[in-house]
């Protein structure tokens, strides 16, 4: 069967998800994208642009979009030519934190609501994301001065579910999982998140300052994408840790990126917003010991047996756990291997049948409509 996938923000987790689904699905999926910039304008106007660009959308068995597409606008423009629709929520604008100095534009939250309400199927990338969206939704609607459309809560919930995004752990030229005995010395600390405020880089570098002050030696790889101006925290860190940085900036080659993860000793997240964390899962799978806040999605994606080892409660706890790893990283090989094995459940190979079943369901809706 044939499906159309419209991704107005083709970067980061949005790109990983789209590419992985297309590479592993048994169905044919035609991907049409826009570059990963100006996300607000994508939510406002991508539907207008793509509605005019795509001819005969009705020839597809279904339509896949993500949360940065205004699906209600698109369906209004295409009308009966629009096939059954599935929206995948990587994030939502009801709960996404505001950048410093930014005030909330409520229209983006309502765009999420109208996108979900007009979709035939709504998927969230984690149970944590699902729960926070629906816990925030009533309060968001109550901000309206009157005539609250509370009916949308159950209408959206009734067609919503959770499926983790698949991760592509292997590919051409990628060797088997790295032997931990060859991890670098001094130990290598990995940052492989977006260079943006919601990943809270200031706290990350504060923790590094603390262990450097202790006299502990380490090396640093600053990976991850930067979609806008480089945050001041990274500009300062490039000077402060100049002698320790071995890689700085986005690594385009997937093969090279995985090699850095294999060399890494620890991967750290200090995020204030995370609904799944593909970058963290990848790093763990390739042998990095994670240090993650004991909140957001991390208690969900990390098996409970490892929570005490890798989830931290505050900055002091992070510094203590990080100093222990840097001091004796070779003693963590058993933990590293067990965590790597646990991440295998997020592979595309293990999840694709569930996604294809969702696409089969979409195609079935189209057949039912044709019959009636």
Protein backbone atom coordinates (compact mmCIF):
# COMPACT_ATOMS: atom_id res chain seq x y z
CA UNK A 1 0.00 0.00 0.00
CA UNK A 2 1.05 3.59 -0.52
CA UNK A 3 1.21 6.31 2.13
CA UNK A 4 2.13 9.98 2.08
CA UNK A 5 4.31 11.35 4.90
CA UNK A 6 4.48 15.15 5.25
CA UNK A 7 7.22 16.41 7.59
CA UNK A 8 7.44 20.22 7.80
CA UNK A 9 10.45 20.12 10.16
CA UNK A 10 12.86 17.56 8.76
CA UNK A 11 15.56 17.51 11.42
CA UNK A 12 16.52 15.90 14.72
CA UNK A 13 14.07 13.32 16.05
CA UNK A 14 11.55 14.23 13.33
CA UNK A 15 14.03 13.23 10.64
CA UNK A 16 15.18 10.11 12.48
CA UNK A 17 11.59 8.94 12.86
CA UNK A 18 10.61 9.58 9.25
CA UNK A 19 13.74 7.96 7.79
CA UNK A 20 13.48 4.95 10.09
CA UNK A 21 9.82 4.32 9.39
CA UNK A 22 10.36 4.50 5.63
CA UNK A 23 13.43 2.26 5.75
CA UNK A 24 11.70 -0.50 7.74
CA UNK A 25 8.03 -0.43 6.76
CA UNK A 26 6.66 -3.08 4.41
CA UNK A 27 4.60 -0.35 2.76
CA UNK A 28 5.66 2.32 0.27
CA UNK A 29 5.88 5.71 1.97
CA UNK A 30 6.42 8.88 -0.04
CA UNK A 31 8.18 11.44 2.17
CA UNK A 32 7.87 15.17 1.44
CA UNK A 33 9.75 17.52 3.75
CA UNK A 34 10.61 21.11 4.55
CA UNK A 35 13.91 22.13 6.22
CA UNK A 36 14.20 22.13 10.02
CA UNK A 37 13.99 25.86 10.71
CA UNK A 38 11.36 28.48 11.65
CA UNK A 39 9.18 25.97 13.47
CA UNK A 40 6.52 28.57 14.30
CA UNK A 41 6.08 29.46 10.67
CA UNK A 42 5.92 25.78 9.79
CA UNK A 43 2.96 25.34 12.14
CA UNK A 44 1.30 28.41 10.70
CA UNK A 45 1.92 27.97 7.00
CA UNK A 46 3.29 24.56 5.97
CA UNK A 47 -0.21 23.25 5.28
CA UNK A 48 -0.87 26.07 2.82
CA UNK A 49 2.38 25.41 0.99
CA UNK A 50 2.11 21.63 0.85
CA UNK A 51 -1.59 21.60 -0.04
CA UNK A 52 -0.74 23.44 -3.24
CA UNK A 53 2.39 21.43 -3.96
CA UNK A 54 0.93 17.91 -3.78
CA UNK A 55 -1.29 16.67 -6.56
CA UNK A 56 -3.96 14.00 -6.08
CA UNK A 57 -3.41 13.14 -2.38
CA UNK A 58 -6.44 10.84 -2.63
CA UNK A 59 -4.31 8.29 -4.52
CA UNK A 60 -2.63 7.41 -1.22
CA UNK A 61 -4.01 4.85 1.23
CA UNK A 62 -3.23 7.13 4.15
CA UNK A 63 -1.49 10.31 5.32
CA UNK A 64 1.13 10.58 8.08
CA UNK A 65 2.03 13.93 9.64
CA UNK A 66 3.77 15.07 12.82
CA UNK A 67 2.78 17.67 15.38
CA UNK A 68 4.31 20.68 13.60
CA UNK A 69 1.74 20.35 10.80
CA UNK A 70 -1.64 22.07 11.09
CA UNK A 71 -3.65 19.06 9.99
CA UNK A 72 -7.00 20.86 10.33
CA UNK A 73 -5.86 23.44 7.78
CA UNK A 74 -4.60 20.76 5.42
CA UNK A 75 -7.81 18.75 5.57
CA UNK A 76 -9.89 21.87 5.02
CA UNK A 77 -7.85 22.67 1.91
CA UNK A 78 -7.93 19.13 0.49
CA UNK A 79 -11.45 18.29 1.67
CA UNK A 80 -12.58 14.92 0.25
CA UNK A 81 -9.20 14.40 -1.45
CA UNK A 82 -7.53 13.93 1.94
CA UNK A 83 -6.93 10.25 2.80
CA UNK A 84 -7.26 8.89 6.37
CA UNK A 85 -4.72 10.55 8.68
CA UNK A 86 -2.30 9.60 11.45
CA UNK A 87 -0.48 12.25 13.48
CA UNK A 88 2.65 11.42 15.49
CA UNK A 89 3.35 13.74 18.43
CA UNK A 90 7.06 14.17 19.12
CA UNK A 91 6.25 17.19 21.28
CA UNK A 92 3.29 19.45 21.97
CA UNK A 93 2.91 23.17 22.52
CA UNK A 94 0.73 22.86 25.63
CA UNK A 95 3.63 21.59 27.73
CA UNK A 96 6.77 22.69 25.85
CA UNK A 97 8.84 25.07 28.02
CA UNK A 98 9.22 28.67 26.94
CA UNK A 99 12.60 30.08 25.99
CA UNK A 100 13.94 32.85 28.25
CA UNK A 101 12.11 36.10 27.53
CA UNK A 102 9.42 34.38 25.46
CA UNK A 103 5.69 34.56 26.21
CA UNK A 104 3.23 31.83 25.31
CA UNK A 105 1.38 32.03 22.01
CA UNK A 106 -1.76 30.06 22.80
CA UNK A 107 -2.60 29.57 19.16
CA UNK A 108 0.09 26.90 18.84
CA UNK A 109 -1.60 24.90 21.58
CA UNK A 110 -4.92 25.17 19.79
CA UNK A 111 -3.23 24.06 16.57
CA UNK A 112 -2.13 20.89 18.39
CA UNK A 113 -5.70 20.37 19.57
CA UNK A 114 -7.28 20.85 16.15
CA UNK A 115 -4.61 18.65 14.56
CA UNK A 116 -5.40 15.86 17.03
CA UNK A 117 -9.17 16.24 16.79
CA UNK A 118 -9.19 16.07 12.98
CA UNK A 119 -6.81 13.08 12.77
CA UNK A 120 -8.15 9.56 12.50
CA UNK A 121 -5.38 8.26 14.73
CA UNK A 122 -3.08 10.01 17.25
CA UNK A 123 0.18 8.50 18.50
CA UNK A 124 2.47 9.80 21.24
CA UNK A 125 6.15 8.88 21.52
CA UNK A 126 5.96 7.86 25.21
CA UNK A 127 3.49 7.23 28.01
CA UNK A 128 4.99 10.22 29.83
CA UNK A 129 4.18 12.45 26.87
CA UNK A 130 0.65 11.03 26.61
CA UNK A 131 -0.01 11.62 30.30
CA UNK A 132 1.41 15.16 30.44
CA UNK A 133 -0.57 16.19 27.35
CA UNK A 134 -3.89 14.99 28.76
CA UNK A 135 -3.15 16.33 32.25
CA UNK A 136 -2.44 19.78 30.79
CA UNK A 137 -5.30 19.81 28.29
CA UNK A 138 -8.21 20.59 30.72
CA UNK A 139 -6.37 23.53 32.26
CA UNK A 140 -5.42 24.85 28.85
CA UNK A 141 -9.04 24.79 27.70
CA UNK A 142 -10.15 26.46 30.94
CA UNK A 143 -8.04 29.50 30.09
CA UNK A 144 -10.77 30.39 27.62
CA UNK A 145 -13.04 32.96 29.30
CA UNK A 146 -16.20 30.99 28.40
CA UNK A 147 -17.67 28.24 26.21
CA UNK A 148 -15.00 25.67 27.03
CA UNK A 149 -14.89 22.83 24.43
CA UNK A 150 -14.19 20.10 26.98
CA UNK A 151 -15.62 17.47 24.66
CA UNK A 152 -12.33 17.43 22.76
CA UNK A 153 -10.50 15.77 25.68
CA UNK A 154 -12.23 12.41 25.42
CA UNK A 155 -12.59 12.71 21.65
CA UNK A 156 -8.80 12.90 21.30
CA UNK A 157 -8.05 10.36 24.03
CA UNK A 158 -10.34 7.76 22.48
CA UNK A 159 -8.22 7.59 19.31
CA UNK A 160 -4.81 8.02 20.93
CA UNK A 161 -2.11 5.54 21.89
CA UNK A 162 1.62 5.30 22.61
CA UNK A 163 4.27 3.77 20.35
CA UNK A 164 7.94 4.50 20.99
CA UNK A 165 9.91 5.84 18.04
CA UNK A 166 12.19 3.22 16.57
CA UNK A 167 15.96 3.62 16.75
CA UNK A 168 18.36 2.57 14.00
CA UNK A 169 21.24 0.97 15.85
CA UNK A 170 23.02 -0.57 12.88
CA UNK A 171 23.67 0.22 9.25
CA UNK A 172 26.14 -0.35 6.41
CA UNK A 173 29.70 -0.37 7.66
CA UNK A 174 28.74 -0.37 11.34
CA UNK A 175 30.63 -2.92 13.41
CA UNK A 176 29.14 -5.01 16.23
CA UNK A 177 28.73 -3.32 19.59
CA UNK A 178 32.01 -1.91 20.82
CA UNK A 179 34.04 -3.92 23.32
CA UNK A 180 33.92 -1.79 26.50
CA UNK A 181 37.51 -2.67 27.36
CA UNK A 182 38.61 -0.33 24.56
CA UNK A 183 36.84 2.71 25.95
CA UNK A 184 39.09 5.75 25.92
CA UNK A 185 41.30 6.90 28.76
CA UNK A 186 40.86 9.62 29.94
CA UNK A 187 37.13 8.84 29.83
CA UNK A 188 35.10 10.59 27.15
CA UNK A 189 31.92 12.47 28.14
CA UNK A 190 29.29 12.82 25.41
CA UNK A 191 26.77 15.60 24.77
CA UNK A 192 24.65 14.53 21.78
CA UNK A 193 21.54 16.68 22.20
CA UNK A 194 20.31 19.77 20.40
CA UNK A 195 22.22 22.91 21.36
CA UNK A 196 19.14 24.65 22.71
CA UNK A 197 17.79 26.03 25.97
CA UNK A 198 15.41 23.14 26.72
CA UNK A 199 18.38 20.76 26.97
CA UNK A 200 19.75 22.98 29.77
CA UNK A 201 23.46 23.07 28.76
CA UNK A 202 24.33 25.45 31.62
CA UNK A 203 23.79 22.70 34.20
CA UNK A 204 25.79 20.24 32.10
CA UNK A 205 28.81 22.52 31.99
CA UNK A 206 28.42 23.35 35.69
CA UNK A 207 28.78 19.64 36.46
CA UNK A 208 31.88 19.44 34.26
CA UNK A 209 33.38 22.46 36.03
CA UNK A 210 32.83 20.69 39.34
CA UNK A 211 34.66 17.48 38.41
CA UNK A 212 37.45 19.47 36.72
CA UNK A 213 37.89 21.38 39.98
CA UNK A 214 38.28 18.02 41.72
CA UNK A 215 41.27 17.37 39.48
CA UNK A 216 39.56 14.62 37.48
CA UNK A 217 40.68 14.27 33.88
CA UNK A 218 38.25 13.66 31.02
CA UNK A 219 37.67 14.42 27.37
CA UNK A 220 34.55 15.99 25.88
CA UNK A 221 32.62 15.45 22.63
CA UNK A 222 29.99 18.12 21.95
CA UNK A 223 27.76 16.56 19.32
CA UNK A 224 24.16 17.31 18.34
CA UNK A 225 22.40 19.74 16.02
CA UNK A 226 22.19 23.51 16.38
CA UNK A 227 19.23 24.95 14.44
CA UNK A 228 19.63 28.59 15.44
CA UNK A 229 22.26 30.87 17.01
CA UNK A 230 24.82 29.01 19.09
CA UNK A 231 23.88 29.27 22.81
CA UNK A 232 26.24 31.33 24.97
CA UNK A 233 26.91 28.30 27.19
CA UNK A 234 28.62 26.52 24.28
CA UNK A 235 30.61 29.57 23.23
CA UNK A 236 31.99 29.88 26.76
CA UNK A 237 32.59 26.14 27.10
CA UNK A 238 34.62 25.98 23.90
CA UNK A 239 37.12 28.32 25.53
CA UNK A 240 36.93 26.89 29.05
CA UNK A 241 37.35 23.26 27.96
CA UNK A 242 39.44 23.86 24.85
CA UNK A 243 42.10 21.37 25.92
CA UNK A 244 39.53 18.66 26.62
CA UNK A 245 37.21 18.95 23.58
CA UNK A 246 37.92 16.30 20.93
CA UNK A 247 34.86 16.93 18.76
CA UNK A 248 32.64 20.00 18.57
CA UNK A 249 29.62 20.27 16.30
CA UNK A 250 27.10 18.19 14.43
CA UNK A 251 28.48 15.03 12.82
CA UNK A 252 26.72 14.50 9.51
CA UNK A 253 27.90 10.93 8.94
CA UNK A 254 25.86 8.38 10.90
CA UNK A 255 28.79 5.98 10.84
CA UNK A 256 31.17 8.58 12.30
CA UNK A 257 28.58 9.61 14.87
CA UNK A 258 28.21 6.02 16.08
CA UNK A 259 31.96 5.70 16.37
CA UNK A 260 31.99 8.65 18.77
CA UNK A 261 29.27 6.99 20.83
CA UNK A 262 31.30 3.77 20.95
CA UNK A 263 34.29 5.70 22.26
CA UNK A 264 32.18 7.46 24.88
CA UNK A 265 32.26 6.57 28.55
CA UNK A 266 29.22 8.55 29.70
CA UNK A 267 26.31 10.41 28.12
CA UNK A 268 24.64 13.11 30.20
CA UNK A 269 21.25 14.76 29.93
CA UNK A 270 20.31 17.84 31.94
CA UNK A 271 17.15 18.47 29.90
CA UNK A 272 14.11 20.32 31.19
CA UNK A 273 12.01 18.86 28.37
CA UNK A 274 12.25 15.35 26.91
CA UNK A 275 9.42 13.15 25.67
CA UNK A 276 11.55 10.21 24.54
CA UNK A 277 15.25 10.84 23.92
CA UNK A 278 16.46 9.02 20.80
CA UNK A 279 19.96 10.45 21.29
CA UNK A 280 20.21 9.03 24.81
CA UNK A 281 18.92 5.60 23.77
CA UNK A 282 21.43 5.47 20.91
CA UNK A 283 24.32 6.41 23.18
CA UNK A 284 23.37 3.77 25.75
CA UNK A 285 23.04 1.12 23.08
CA UNK A 286 26.54 1.87 21.84
CA UNK A 287 28.10 1.63 25.29
CA UNK A 288 27.79 4.97 27.07
CA UNK A 289 26.76 4.96 30.73
CA UNK A 290 23.83 7.40 31.03
CA UNK A 291 23.39 10.00 33.74
CA UNK A 292 19.84 11.29 33.46
CA UNK A 293 17.48 13.39 35.61
CA UNK A 294 15.02 11.38 37.67
CA UNK A 295 12.05 12.97 35.89
CA UNK A 296 10.57 13.56 32.42
CA UNK A 297 10.59 10.38 30.32
CA UNK A 298 13.81 8.93 31.70
CA UNK A 299 12.32 6.76 34.47
CA UNK A 300 10.10 5.28 31.75
CA UNK A 301 12.76 4.40 29.17
CA UNK A 302 15.36 3.16 31.68
CA UNK A 303 14.47 -0.19 33.31
CA UNK A 304 13.70 0.25 36.99
CA UNK A 305 16.54 -2.04 38.05
CA UNK A 306 19.04 0.62 36.90
CA UNK A 307 17.35 3.74 38.28
CA UNK A 308 19.60 4.04 41.33
CA UNK A 309 22.71 3.78 39.18
CA UNK A 310 21.94 6.24 36.40
CA UNK A 311 19.13 8.61 37.45
CA UNK A 312 20.12 11.63 39.52
CA UNK A 313 17.89 13.77 41.73
CA UNK A 314 19.72 17.11 41.65
CA UNK A 315 22.97 18.74 40.55
CA UNK A 316 24.93 17.49 43.56
CA UNK A 317 23.80 13.93 42.83
CA UNK A 318 24.81 14.32 39.18
CA UNK A 319 28.28 15.55 40.14
CA UNK A 320 28.77 12.67 42.58
CA UNK A 321 27.67 10.01 40.08
CA UNK A 322 29.75 11.57 37.30
CA UNK A 323 32.88 11.74 39.45
CA UNK A 324 32.46 8.05 40.35
CA UNK A 325 32.25 7.09 36.67
CA UNK A 326 35.23 9.23 35.67
CA UNK A 327 37.27 7.82 38.56
CA UNK A 328 36.51 4.17 37.87
CA UNK A 329 34.85 3.87 34.50
CA UNK A 330 36.27 0.43 33.71
CA UNK A 331 34.44 -0.93 36.76
CA UNK A 332 31.13 -0.10 35.08
CA UNK A 333 31.47 -2.58 32.20
CA UNK A 334 28.77 -4.96 33.50
CA UNK A 335 26.30 -2.10 33.96
CA UNK A 336 27.19 -0.75 30.52
CA UNK A 337 26.54 -4.09 28.83
CA UNK A 338 23.22 -4.69 30.62
CA UNK A 339 21.94 -1.23 29.74
CA UNK A 340 23.00 -1.66 26.13
CA UNK A 341 21.05 -4.91 25.92
CA UNK A 342 17.99 -3.25 27.48
CA UNK A 343 17.91 -0.57 24.77
CA UNK A 344 17.49 -3.20 22.04
CA UNK A 345 13.74 -3.12 22.65
CA UNK A 346 13.61 0.31 21.00
CA UNK A 347 14.97 -0.92 17.67
CA UNK A 348 12.96 -0.40 14.50
CA UNK A 349 13.16 -4.12 13.86
CA UNK A 350 11.23 -4.74 17.06
CA UNK A 351 8.66 -1.97 16.58
CA UNK A 352 7.93 -1.91 12.86
CA UNK A 353 5.16 -4.52 12.93
CA UNK A 354 3.23 -2.29 15.34
CA UNK A 355 3.64 0.69 13.01
CA UNK A 356 2.66 -1.29 9.95
CA UNK A 357 -0.46 -2.44 11.78
CA UNK A 358 -1.34 1.23 12.30
CA UNK A 359 -0.86 1.88 8.59
CA UNK A 360 -3.01 -1.14 7.75
CA UNK A 361 -5.68 0.35 9.97
CA UNK A 362 -5.52 3.66 8.07
CA UNK A 363 -5.87 1.88 4.74
CA UNK A 364 -8.85 0.00 6.15
CA UNK A 365 -10.57 3.30 6.94
CA UNK A 366 -10.17 4.35 3.33
CA UNK A 367 -11.68 1.07 2.09
CA UNK A 368 -14.62 1.47 4.45
CA UNK A 369 -15.22 5.00 3.16
CA UNK A 370 -15.13 3.81 -0.46
CA UNK A 371 -17.65 1.05 0.29
CA UNK A 372 -20.09 3.46 1.97
